[in-house]
PDB file of N, CA and C in Angstrom:
ATOM      1  N   MET A   1     -13.160 -14.724  -5.887  1.00  0.00           N
ATOM      2  CA  MET A   1     -14.361 -14.399  -5.428  1.00  0.00           C
ATOM      3  C   MET A   1     -13.659 -13.945  -3.500  1.00  0.00           C
ATOM      4  N   ASN A   2     -13.951 -12.791  -2.820  1.00  0.00           N
ATOM      5  CA  ASN A   2     -13.865 -12.549  -1.469  1.00  0.00           C
ATOM      6  C   ASN A   2     -15.027 -13.330  -0.945  1.00  0.00           C
ATOM      7  N   HIS A   3     -14.997 -13.672  -0.065  1.00  0.00           N
ATOM      8  CA  HIS A   3     -16.017 -14.598   1.048  1.00  0.00           C
ATOM      9  C   HIS A   3     -15.819 -13.563   2.285  1.00  0.00           C
ATOM     10  N   SER A   4     -16.736 -13.381   2.949  1.00  0.00           N
ATOM     11  CA  SER A   4     -17.001 -12.868   4.268  1.00  0.00           C
ATOM     12  C   SER A   4     -15.274 -13.014   5.112  1.00  0.00           C
ATOM     13  N   HIS A   5     -15.332 -14.404   5.229  1.00  0.00           N
ATOM     14  CA  HIS A   5     -14.171 -14.659   6.377  1.00  0.00           C
ATOM     15  C   HIS A   5     -13.215 -14.386   5.517  1.00  0.00           C
ATOM     16  N   GLU A   6     -12.302 -14.249   4.737  1.00  0.00           N
ATOM     17  CA  GLU A   6     -11.514 -13.684   4.063  1.00  0.00           C
ATOM     18  C   GLU A   6     -11.151 -12.151   3.991  1.00  0.00           C
ATOM     19  N   LYS A   7      -9.702 -12.043   4.529  1.00  0.00           N
ATOM     20  CA  LYS A   7      -9.407 -10.473   4.480  1.00  0.00           C
ATOM     21  C   LYS A   7      -9.353  -9.833   3.586  1.00  0.00           C
ATOM     22  N   PRO A   8      -9.788  -8.513   3.149  1.00  0.00           N
ATOM     23  CA  PRO A   8     -10.122  -7.998   1.553  1.00  0.00           C
ATOM     24  C   PRO A   8      -8.585  -7.707   1.416  1.00  0.00           C
ATOM     25  N   ILE A   9      -8.635  -7.351  -0.144  1.00  0.00           N
ATOM     26  CA  ILE A   9      -7.446  -7.102  -0.254  1.00  0.00           C
ATOM     27  C   ILE A   9      -7.313  -5.788  -0.402  1.00  0.00           C
ATOM     28  N   ASN A  10      -5.775  -4.775   0.140  1.00  0.00           N
ATOM     29  CA  ASN A  10      -5.814  -3.685   0.015  1.00  0.00           C
ATOM     30  C   ASN A  10      -4.702  -3.215  -0.685  1.00  0.00           C
ATOM     31  N   VAL A  11      -4.131  -4.056  -1.072  1.00  0.00           N
ATOM     32  CA  VAL A  11      -2.509  -3.471  -1.566  1.00  0.00           C
ATOM     33  C   VAL A  11      -2.480  -4.328  -2.838  1.00  0.00           C
ATOM     34  N   LEU A  12      -2.585  -3.848  -3.971  1.00  0.00           N
ATOM     35  CA  LEU A  12      -1.992  -4.294  -5.020  1.00  0.00           C
ATOM     36  C   LEU A  12      -1.012  -3.843  -5.880  1.00  0.00           C
ATOM     37  N   ILE A  13      -0.012  -4.596  -6.634  1.00  0.00           N
ATOM     38  CA  ILE A  13       0.812  -3.491  -7.810  1.00  0.00           C
ATOM     39  C   ILE A  13       0.095  -3.561  -8.853  1.00  0.00           C
ATOM     40  N   VAL A  14      -0.100  -2.278  -9.566  1.00  0.00           N
ATOM     41  CA  VAL A  14      -0.667  -1.909 -10.664  1.00  0.00           C
ATOM     42  C   VAL A  14       0.482  -1.689 -11.898  1.00  0.00           C
ATOM     43  N   ASP A  15       0.239  -1.918 -13.421  1.00  0.00           N
ATOM     44  CA  ASP A  15       1.169  -1.341 -13.916  1.00  0.00           C
ATOM     45  C   ASP A  15       0.744   0.209 -14.654  1.00  0.00           C
ATOM     46  N   GLN A  16      -0.113   0.960 -13.807  1.00  0.00           N
ATOM     47  CA  GLN A  16      -0.033   2.277 -14.325  1.00  0.00           C
ATOM     48  C   GLN A  16      -1.682   2.612 -13.195  1.00  0.00           C
ATOM     49  N   PRO A  17      -1.610   3.843 -12.317  1.00  0.00           N
ATOM     50  CA  PRO A  17      -2.841   4.393 -12.157  1.00  0.00           C
ATOM     51  C   PRO A  17      -4.215   4.530 -12.842  1.00  0.00           C
ATOM     52  N   PHE A  18      -5.412   4.070 -11.658  1.00  0.00           N
ATOM     53  CA  PHE A  18      -6.329   3.896 -12.669  1.00  0.00           C
ATOM     54  C   PHE A  18      -7.596   4.939 -12.452  1.00  0.00           C
ATOM     55  N   ASP A  19      -8.549   4.921 -13.199  1.00  0.00           N
ATOM     56  CA  ASP A  19      -9.541   6.397 -12.788  1.00  0.00           C
ATOM     57  C   ASP A  19     -10.148   5.770 -11.673  1.00  0.00           C
ATOM     58  N   ALA A  20     -10.290   6.165 -10.147  1.00  0.00           N
ATOM     59  CA  ALA A  20     -11.580   5.252  -9.327  1.00  0.00           C
ATOM     60  C   ALA A  20     -12.391   6.672  -9.013  1.00  0.00           C
ATOM     61  N   ASP A  21     -12.703   7.755  -9.854  1.00  0.00           N
ATOM     62  CA  ASP A  21     -13.382   8.437  -9.484  1.00  0.00           C
ATOM     63  C   ASP A  21     -14.278   8.072 -10.319  1.00  0.00           C
ATOM     64  N   GLY A  22     -15.537   7.342  -9.126  1.00  0.00           N
ATOM     65  CA  GLY A  22     -17.114   6.806  -9.260  1.00  0.00           C
ATOM     66  C   GLY A  22     -16.729   5.364  -9.982  1.00  0.00           C
ATOM     67  N   ASN A  23     -15.689   4.790 -10.282  1.00  0.00           N
ATOM     68  CA  ASN A  23     -15.430   3.655 -10.820  1.00  0.00           C
ATOM     69  C   ASN A  23     -15.457   2.078 -10.540  1.00  0.00           C
ATOM     70  N   GLU A  24     -15.294   1.388 -10.825  1.00  0.00           N
ATOM     71  CA  GLU A  24     -15.755   0.069 -10.277  1.00  0.00           C
ATOM     72  C   GLU A  24     -13.752   0.248 -10.780  1.00  0.00           C
ATOM     73  N   THR A  25     -13.639  -0.546  -9.347  1.00  0.00           N
ATOM     74  CA  THR A  25     -11.560  -0.597  -9.568  1.00  0.00           C
ATOM     75  C   THR A  25     -11.841  -1.985  -9.162  1.00  0.00           C
ATOM     76  N   PRO A  26      -9.787  -2.539  -9.056  1.00  0.00           N
ATOM     77  CA  PRO A  26      -9.539  -3.566  -8.638  1.00  0.00           C
ATOM     78  C   PRO A  26     -10.053  -4.113  -6.914  1.00  0.00           C
ATOM     79  N   PHE A  27     -10.690  -2.609  -6.376  1.00  0.00           N
ATOM     80  CA  PHE A  27     -10.843  -2.892  -4.850  1.00  0.00           C
ATOM     81  C   PHE A  27     -12.090  -2.800  -4.656  1.00  0.00           C
ATOM     82  N   GLY A  28     -12.799  -2.264  -5.486  1.00  0.00           N
ATOM     83  CA  GLY A  28     -14.262  -2.382  -5.421  1.00  0.00           C
ATOM     84  C   GLY A  28     -14.858  -1.103  -5.938  1.00  0.00           C
ATOM     85  N   ARG A  29     -16.174  -0.248  -5.874  1.00  0.00           N
ATOM     86  CA  ARG A  29     -15.964   0.932  -6.040  1.00  0.00           C
ATOM     87  C   ARG A  29     -15.563   2.033  -6.042  1.00  0.00           C
ATOM     88  N   ARG A  30     -15.175   2.934  -5.880  1.00  0.00           N
ATOM     89  CA  ARG A  30     -14.182   3.801  -5.547  1.00  0.00           C
ATOM     90  C   ARG A  30     -14.316   5.424  -5.629  1.00  0.00           C
ATOM     91  N   TRP A  31     -13.934   6.318  -4.848  1.00  0.00           N
ATOM     92  CA  TRP A  31     -15.013   7.918  -5.263  1.00  0.00           C
ATOM     93  C   TRP A  31     -13.500   8.458  -5.669  1.00  0.00           C
ATOM     94  N   GLY A  32     -12.315   8.207  -5.149  1.00  0.00           N
ATOM     95  CA  GLY A  32     -11.244   9.459  -5.210  1.00  0.00           C
ATOM     96  C   GLY A  32     -10.175   8.316  -5.762  1.00  0.00           C
ATOM     97  N   GLY A  33      -8.797   8.817  -5.600  1.00  0.00           N
ATOM     98  CA  GLY A  33      -7.645   8.586  -5.540  1.00  0.00           C
ATOM     99  C   GLY A  33      -6.501   9.647  -5.592  1.00  0.00           C
ATOM    100  N   GLU A  34      -5.369   9.370  -5.274  1.00  0.00           N
ATOM    101  CA  GLU A  34      -4.447  10.117  -5.908  1.00  0.00           C
ATOM    102  C   GLU A  34      -3.053   9.362  -5.848  1.00  0.00           C
ATOM    103  N   ARG A  35      -2.019  10.004  -6.693  1.00  0.00           N
ATOM    104  CA  ARG A  35      -1.192   9.288  -6.895  1.00  0.00           C
ATOM    105  C   ARG A  35       0.314   9.816  -5.981  1.00  0.00           C
ATOM    106  N   PHE A  36       0.840   8.975  -5.525  1.00  0.00           N
ATOM    107  CA  PHE A  36       2.192   9.500  -4.862  1.00  0.00           C
ATOM    108  C   PHE A  36       3.372   8.888  -5.565  1.00  0.00           C
ATOM    109  N   THR A  37       4.137   9.532  -5.596  1.00  0.00           N
ATOM    110  CA  THR A  37       6.051   8.951  -6.404  1.00  0.00           C
ATOM    111  C   THR A  37       6.821   9.145  -4.859  1.00  0.00           C
ATOM    112  N   LEU A  38       7.790   7.547  -4.493  1.00  0.00           N
ATOM    113  CA  LEU A  38       8.579   8.124  -3.705  1.00  0.00           C
ATOM    114  C   LEU A  38       9.782   7.920  -4.343  1.00  0.00           C
ATOM    115  N   THR A  39      10.697   8.722  -3.382  1.00  0.00           N
ATOM    116  CA  THR A  39      11.771   9.088  -4.076  1.00  0.00           C
ATOM    117  C   THR A  39      13.012   8.348  -3.242  1.00  0.00           C
ATOM    118  N   PRO A  40      14.052   8.429  -4.266  1.00  0.00           N
ATOM    119  CA  PRO A  40      15.375   7.147  -3.277  1.00  0.00           C
ATOM    120  C   PRO A  40      15.751   7.845  -2.207  1.00  0.00           C
ATOM    121  N   GLU A  41      15.017   8.823  -1.349  1.00  0.00           N
ATOM    122  CA  GLU A  41      14.778   9.139   0.132  1.00  0.00           C
ATOM    123  C   GLU A  41      13.804   8.707   0.597  1.00  0.00           C
ATOM    124  N   HIS A  42      12.964   8.557   0.353  1.00  0.00           N
ATOM    125  CA  HIS A  42      12.238   7.523   0.917  1.00  0.00           C
ATOM    126  C   HIS A  42      12.289   6.390   0.841  1.00  0.00           C
ATOM    127  N   LEU A  43      12.851   5.707  -0.202  1.00  0.00           N
ATOM    128  CA  LEU A  43      12.991   4.304  -0.511  1.00  0.00           C
ATOM    129  C   LEU A  43      14.075   3.868   0.497  1.00  0.00           C
ATOM    130  N   ALA A  44      15.259   4.874   1.039  1.00  0.00           N
ATOM    131  CA  ALA A  44      16.258   4.505   2.005  1.00  0.00           C
ATOM    132  C   ALA A  44      15.749   4.366   3.397  1.00  0.00           C
ATOM    133  N   ALA A  45      14.429   5.887   3.447  1.00  0.00           N
ATOM    134  CA  ALA A  45      13.998   5.611   4.976  1.00  0.00           C
ATOM    135  C   ALA A  45      13.021   4.243   5.570  1.00  0.00           C
ATOM    136  N   LEU A  46      12.348   3.585   3.953  1.00  0.00           N
ATOM    137  CA  LEU A  46      12.078   2.707   4.831  1.00  0.00           C
ATOM    138  C   LEU A  46      12.670   1.879   4.620  1.00  0.00           C
ATOM    139  N   GLN A  47      14.248   1.375   4.289  1.00  0.00           N
ATOM    140  CA  GLN A  47      14.689   0.601   4.581  1.00  0.00           C
ATOM    141  C   GLN A  47      15.295   0.746   5.398  1.00  0.00           C
ATOM    142  N   ALA A  48      15.432   1.944   6.152  1.00  0.00           N
ATOM    143  CA  ALA A  48      16.414   2.006   7.349  1.00  0.00           C
ATOM    144  C   ALA A  48      15.060   1.567   8.508  1.00  0.00           C
ATOM    145  N   GLY A  49      14.082   1.142   8.557  1.00  0.00           N
ATOM    146  CA  GLY A  49      12.803   1.168   9.133  1.00  0.00           C
ATOM    147  C   GLY A  49      12.147   2.096   9.659  1.00  0.00           C
ATOM    148  N   LYS A  50      12.209   3.234   8.714  1.00  0.00           N
ATOM    149  CA  LYS A  50      11.536   4.065   8.925  1.00  0.00           C
ATOM    150  C   LYS A  50       9.769   3.430   8.614  1.00  0.00           C
ATOM    151  N   THR A  51       8.717   4.693   8.547  1.00  0.00           N
ATOM    152  CA  THR A  51       7.374   4.613   8.164  1.00  0.00           C
ATOM    153  C   THR A  51       7.420   5.869   7.578  1.00  0.00           C
ATOM    154  N   ILE A  52       6.846   5.677   6.548  1.00  0.00           N
ATOM    155  CA  ILE A  52       6.447   6.881   5.426  1.00  0.00           C
ATOM    156  C   ILE A  52       4.726   7.125   5.873  1.00  0.00           C
ATOM    157  N   ALA A  53       4.414   8.394   6.124  1.00  0.00           N
ATOM    158  CA  ALA A  53       3.369   9.090   6.501  1.00  0.00           C
ATOM    159  C   ALA A  53       2.915   9.836   4.949  1.00  0.00           C
ATOM    160  N   VAL A  54       1.714   9.521   4.479  1.00  0.00           N
ATOM    161  CA  VAL A  54       1.222  10.233   3.572  1.00  0.00           C
ATOM    162  C   VAL A  54      -0.170  10.905   3.781  1.00  0.00           C
ATOM    163  N   ASP A  55      -0.063  11.963   3.109  1.00  0.00           N
ATOM    164  CA  ASP A  55      -1.609  13.015   3.370  1.00  0.00           C
ATOM    165  C   ASP A  55      -2.262  12.685   2.352  1.00  0.00           C
ATOM    166  N   VAL A  56      -3.567  11.894   2.029  1.00  0.00           N
ATOM    167  CA  VAL A  56      -4.124  11.723   1.039  1.00  0.00           C
ATOM    168  C   VAL A  56      -5.828  12.687   1.181  1.00  0.00           C
ATOM    169  N   MET A  57      -5.595  13.607   0.116  1.00  0.00           N
ATOM    170  CA  MET A  57      -6.548  14.675  -0.001  1.00  0.00           C
ATOM    171  C   MET A  57      -7.309  15.322   1.007  1.00  0.00           C
ATOM    172  N   SER A  58      -6.184  15.239   2.188  1.00  0.00           N
ATOM    173  CA  SER A  58      -6.666  16.356   3.247  1.00  0.00           C
ATOM    174  C   SER A  58      -7.637  16.282   4.569  1.00  0.00           C
ATOM    175  N   GLU A  59      -7.691  14.521   4.306  1.00  0.00           N
ATOM    176  CA  GLU A  59      -8.613  14.038   5.004  1.00  0.00           C
ATOM    177  C   GLU A  59      -8.104  12.737   5.842  1.00  0.00           C
ATOM    178  N   TYR A  60      -6.840  11.574   5.295  1.00  0.00           N
ATOM    179  CA  TYR A  60      -7.264  10.369   5.522  1.00  0.00           C
ATOM    180  C   TYR A  60      -5.288  10.146   5.741  1.00  0.00           C
ATOM    181  N   ALA A  61      -4.986   9.724   6.201  1.00  0.00           N
ATOM    182  CA  ALA A  61      -3.413   9.289   6.829  1.00  0.00           C
ATOM    183  C   ALA A  61      -3.393   7.692   6.327  1.00  0.00           C
ATOM    184  N   VAL A  62      -2.262   7.681   4.953  1.00  0.00           N
ATOM    185  CA  VAL A  62      -2.270   6.681   5.395  1.00  0.00           C
ATOM    186  C   VAL A  62      -0.502   6.186   5.639  1.00  0.00           C
ATOM    187  N   PHE A  63       0.111   5.516   6.232  1.00  0.00           N
ATOM    188  CA  PHE A  63       1.060   4.468   6.545  1.00  0.00           C
ATOM    189  C   PHE A  63       2.111   3.363   5.705  1.00  0.00           C
ATOM    190  N   LEU A  64       3.092   3.901   5.199  1.00  0.00           N
ATOM    191  CA  LEU A  64       4.115   2.800   4.640  1.00  0.00           C
ATOM    192  C   LEU A  64       5.246   2.124   5.164  1.00  0.00           C
ATOM    193  N   LYS A  65       4.970   0.689   4.586  1.00  0.00           N
ATOM    194  CA  LYS A  65       6.270   0.171   5.862  1.00  0.00           C
ATOM    195  C   LYS A  65       6.579  -1.061   5.151  1.00  0.00           C
ATOM    196  N   LEU A  66       7.840  -0.867   4.941  1.00  0.00           N
ATOM    197  CA  LEU A  66       8.199  -2.312   4.208  1.00  0.00           C
ATOM    198  C   LEU A  66       8.218  -3.667   5.004  1.00  0.00           C
ATOM    199  N   GLY A  67       7.840  -4.850   4.645  1.00  0.00           N
ATOM    200  CA  GLY A  67       7.247  -6.284   4.436  1.00  0.00           C
ATOM    201  C   GLY A  67       8.774  -6.420   5.375  1.00  0.00           C
ATOM    202  N   GLU A  68       8.213  -7.108   6.475  1.00  0.00           N
ATOM    203  CA  GLU A  68       8.842  -8.256   7.225  1.00  0.00           C
ATOM    204  C   GLU A  68      10.332  -9.157   6.143  1.00  0.00           C
ATOM    205  N   GLY A  69      11.626  -9.304   5.975  1.00  0.00           N
ATOM    206  CA  GLY A  69      12.590  -9.788   5.365  1.00  0.00           C
ATOM    207  C   GLY A  69      12.739  -8.813   4.429  1.00  0.00           C
ATOM    208  N   VAL A  70      12.526  -7.872   4.193  1.00  0.00           N
ATOM    209  CA  VAL A  70      13.653  -6.819   2.756  1.00  0.00           C
ATOM    210  C   VAL A  70      13.890  -6.142   2.996  1.00  0.00           C
TER     211      VAL A  70
END
């Protein structure tokens, strides 16, 4: 249960992509989704402290960075 004072979950590890087109998802109801695949080059860039910028549906930008201690 997510109470209003708790930070919402916005990153999950899942076994496979799920249908988010108007369906209930682990994040709540969503109306779209895209799948991105990271290459060894992307992973090396993340490990070197870089940030990966991802264009989502030609509408949003998502930025991926490794967590501290990784």
